[in-house]
Amino acid sequence: MDFSKIDMGELGRHLFSKILKATASDGNYEDIKTEVDRKDVMYVDESFPPNEFSLISDWEDDEVYDKIK
């Protein structure tokens, strides 16, 4: 392929625009649902992921440890 005939700047702008559109979301329910349905995955809130540290950040803390024994 002869890349000298391709306007790389225009190609870059076009690709950036496509990627931005495909990944942009204002976080509203419909945008999130559409993206989850498109990817066929479960939604995970990055600020509150489903792991043991979302609710308790330090499981070794004495106050926490005494309550979970």
N, C-alpha and C. Protein backbone atom coordinates (compact mmCIF):
# COMPACT_ATOMS: atom_id res chain seq x y z
N MET A 1 0.84 -1.18 0.00
CA MET A 1 0.00 0.00 0.00
C MET A 1 0.89 1.24 0.00
N ASP A 2 0.53 2.20 -0.81
CA ASP A 2 1.31 3.44 -0.93
C ASP A 2 0.75 4.47 0.05
N PHE A 3 1.43 4.61 1.22
CA PHE A 3 0.98 5.52 2.26
C PHE A 3 1.24 6.99 1.92
N SER A 4 2.03 7.26 0.92
CA SER A 4 2.32 8.65 0.56
C SER A 4 1.09 9.37 0.01
N LYS A 5 0.11 8.62 -0.44
CA LYS A 5 -1.11 9.23 -0.99
C LYS A 5 -2.21 9.39 0.06
N ILE A 6 -1.94 8.95 1.28
CA ILE A 6 -2.94 9.03 2.35
C ILE A 6 -2.63 10.25 3.22
N ASP A 7 -3.64 11.08 3.46
CA ASP A 7 -3.50 12.22 4.37
C ASP A 7 -3.58 11.67 5.79
N MET A 8 -2.41 11.46 6.42
CA MET A 8 -2.36 10.83 7.74
C MET A 8 -3.06 11.68 8.80
N GLY A 9 -2.99 12.99 8.67
CA GLY A 9 -3.68 13.87 9.61
C GLY A 9 -5.19 13.67 9.55
N GLU A 10 -5.71 13.62 8.36
CA GLU A 10 -7.15 13.42 8.19
C GLU A 10 -7.55 12.02 8.65
N LEU A 11 -6.73 11.05 8.36
CA LEU A 11 -7.00 9.69 8.82
C LEU A 11 -7.03 9.65 10.35
N GLY A 12 -6.06 10.29 10.97
CA GLY A 12 -6.00 10.34 12.44
C GLY A 12 -7.23 11.02 13.03
N ARG A 13 -7.63 12.14 12.46
CA ARG A 13 -8.83 12.85 12.93
C ARG A 13 -10.08 11.98 12.77
N HIS A 14 -10.17 11.28 11.66
CA HIS A 14 -11.31 10.41 11.41
C HIS A 14 -11.35 9.26 12.43
N LEU A 15 -10.21 8.61 12.65
CA LEU A 15 -10.16 7.51 13.62
C LEU A 15 -10.46 7.99 15.03
N PHE A 16 -9.89 9.15 15.41
CA PHE A 16 -10.14 9.70 16.73
C PHE A 16 -11.63 9.98 16.92
N SER A 17 -12.25 10.56 15.90
CA SER A 17 -13.68 10.87 15.97
C SER A 17 -14.50 9.60 16.15
N LYS A 18 -14.17 8.56 15.41
CA LYS A 18 -14.90 7.29 15.52
C LYS A 18 -14.73 6.68 16.91
N ILE A 19 -13.50 6.69 17.42
CA ILE A 19 -13.23 6.11 18.74
C ILE A 19 -13.94 6.91 19.82
N LEU A 20 -13.88 8.22 19.72
CA LEU A 20 -14.54 9.08 20.70
C LEU A 20 -16.04 8.84 20.73
N LYS A 21 -16.64 8.74 19.57
CA LYS A 21 -18.08 8.50 19.49
C LYS A 21 -18.44 7.13 20.05
N ALA A 22 -17.61 6.13 19.77
CA ALA A 22 -17.90 4.77 20.22
C ALA A 22 -17.74 4.60 21.72
N THR A 23 -16.89 5.41 22.34
CA THR A 23 -16.61 5.22 23.76
C THR A 23 -17.20 6.31 24.64
N ALA A 24 -17.75 7.36 24.07
CA ALA A 24 -18.27 8.48 24.86
C ALA A 24 -19.60 8.14 25.51
N SER A 25 -19.75 8.58 26.73
CA SER A 25 -21.00 8.42 27.45
C SER A 25 -21.06 9.49 28.53
N ASP A 26 -22.24 10.07 28.70
CA ASP A 26 -22.37 11.03 29.79
C ASP A 26 -22.75 10.31 31.08
N GLY A 27 -22.80 8.99 31.03
CA GLY A 27 -23.08 8.21 32.22
C GLY A 27 -24.56 8.03 32.53
N ASN A 28 -25.42 8.43 31.60
CA ASN A 28 -26.83 8.25 31.91
C ASN A 28 -27.23 6.79 31.67
N TYR A 29 -28.35 6.42 32.23
CA TYR A 29 -28.79 5.03 32.22
C TYR A 29 -28.87 4.45 30.81
N GLU A 30 -29.48 5.18 29.90
CA GLU A 30 -29.66 4.66 28.54
C GLU A 30 -28.32 4.41 27.84
N ASP A 31 -27.36 5.33 28.02
CA ASP A 31 -26.04 5.14 27.41
C ASP A 31 -25.34 3.92 27.99
N ILE A 32 -25.40 3.80 29.31
CA ILE A 32 -24.76 2.66 29.98
C ILE A 32 -25.43 1.35 29.54
N LYS A 33 -26.75 1.31 29.52
CA LYS A 33 -27.47 0.09 29.12
C LYS A 33 -27.15 -0.29 27.68
N THR A 34 -27.12 0.70 26.79
CA THR A 34 -26.80 0.43 25.39
C THR A 34 -25.40 -0.17 25.27
N GLU A 35 -24.43 0.40 25.97
CA GLU A 35 -23.06 -0.09 25.90
C GLU A 35 -22.94 -1.50 26.49
N VAL A 36 -23.60 -1.76 27.61
CA VAL A 36 -23.56 -3.08 28.23
C VAL A 36 -24.21 -4.11 27.31
N ASP A 37 -25.35 -3.75 26.72
CA ASP A 37 -26.02 -4.67 25.79
C ASP A 37 -25.15 -4.94 24.56
N ARG A 38 -24.50 -3.89 24.06
CA ARG A 38 -23.66 -4.04 22.87
C ARG A 38 -22.48 -4.97 23.14
N LYS A 39 -21.87 -4.82 24.31
CA LYS A 39 -20.70 -5.64 24.66
C LYS A 39 -21.10 -6.99 25.23
N ASP A 40 -22.38 -7.15 25.60
CA ASP A 40 -22.89 -8.38 26.22
C ASP A 40 -22.10 -8.72 27.48
N VAL A 41 -21.95 -7.72 28.35
CA VAL A 41 -21.26 -7.90 29.63
C VAL A 41 -22.11 -7.28 30.74
N MET A 42 -21.80 -7.65 31.97
CA MET A 42 -22.47 -7.03 33.11
C MET A 42 -21.83 -5.68 33.39
N TYR A 43 -22.63 -4.73 33.87
CA TYR A 43 -22.13 -3.41 34.21
C TYR A 43 -21.36 -3.46 35.52
N VAL A 44 -20.20 -2.80 35.56
CA VAL A 44 -19.43 -2.67 36.78
C VAL A 44 -19.13 -1.20 37.00
N ASP A 45 -19.57 -0.67 38.12
CA ASP A 45 -19.30 0.71 38.49
C ASP A 45 -17.85 0.79 38.97
N GLU A 46 -17.00 1.50 38.22
CA GLU A 46 -15.59 1.55 38.55
C GLU A 46 -15.32 2.20 39.91
N SER A 47 -16.21 3.08 40.35
CA SER A 47 -16.01 3.73 41.64
C SER A 47 -16.52 2.86 42.80
N PHE A 48 -17.22 1.79 42.49
CA PHE A 48 -17.75 0.88 43.52
C PHE A 48 -17.78 -0.54 42.96
N PRO A 49 -16.59 -1.10 42.68
CA PRO A 49 -16.53 -2.43 42.06
C PRO A 49 -16.97 -3.53 43.03
N PRO A 50 -17.41 -4.67 42.50
CA PRO A 50 -17.87 -5.77 43.34
C PRO A 50 -16.70 -6.57 43.92
N ASN A 51 -16.06 -5.99 44.90
CA ASN A 51 -14.99 -6.72 45.58
C ASN A 51 -15.01 -6.40 47.06
N GLU A 52 -14.23 -7.12 47.83
CA GLU A 52 -14.26 -6.98 49.29
C GLU A 52 -13.76 -5.63 49.79
N PHE A 53 -13.09 -4.87 48.96
CA PHE A 53 -12.54 -3.59 49.40
C PHE A 53 -13.47 -2.41 49.12
N SER A 54 -14.60 -2.63 48.45
CA SER A 54 -15.54 -1.55 48.20
C SER A 54 -16.21 -1.08 49.49
N LEU A 55 -16.50 -2.01 50.36
CA LEU A 55 -17.17 -1.67 51.61
C LEU A 55 -16.20 -1.45 52.76
N ILE A 56 -15.15 -2.24 52.80
CA ILE A 56 -14.15 -2.13 53.87
C ILE A 56 -12.78 -2.08 53.23
N SER A 57 -12.09 -0.96 53.41
CA SER A 57 -10.80 -0.80 52.73
C SER A 57 -9.66 -1.51 53.44
N ASP A 58 -9.78 -1.71 54.76
CA ASP A 58 -8.69 -2.35 55.50
C ASP A 58 -9.25 -3.48 56.36
N TRP A 59 -9.20 -4.68 55.85
CA TRP A 59 -9.73 -5.83 56.57
C TRP A 59 -8.87 -6.24 57.75
N GLU A 60 -7.65 -5.73 57.81
CA GLU A 60 -6.74 -6.05 58.91
C GLU A 60 -6.91 -5.09 60.10
N ASP A 61 -7.70 -4.05 59.95
CA ASP A 61 -7.95 -3.09 61.02
C ASP A 61 -8.53 -3.84 62.22
N ASP A 62 -8.03 -3.57 63.42
CA ASP A 62 -8.48 -4.29 64.62
C ASP A 62 -9.98 -4.17 64.85
N GLU A 63 -10.54 -3.00 64.62
CA GLU A 63 -11.97 -2.79 64.82
C GLU A 63 -12.78 -3.66 63.86
N VAL A 64 -12.34 -3.77 62.64
CA VAL A 64 -13.02 -4.61 61.65
C VAL A 64 -12.81 -6.08 61.99
N TYR A 65 -11.60 -6.43 62.28
CA TYR A 65 -11.26 -7.84 62.55
C TYR A 65 -12.07 -8.38 63.73
N ASP A 66 -12.23 -7.57 64.79
CA ASP A 66 -13.01 -8.01 65.96
C ASP A 66 -14.46 -8.30 65.60
N LYS A 67 -15.01 -7.57 64.64
CA LYS A 67 -16.41 -7.74 64.28
C LYS A 67 -16.65 -8.89 63.33
N ILE A 68 -15.64 -9.32 62.58
CA ILE A 68 -15.87 -10.39 61.61
C ILE A 68 -15.42 -11.76 62.10
N LYS A 69 -14.85 -11.82 63.31
CA LYS A 69 -14.41 -13.11 63.84
C LYS A 69 -15.56 -14.06 64.02
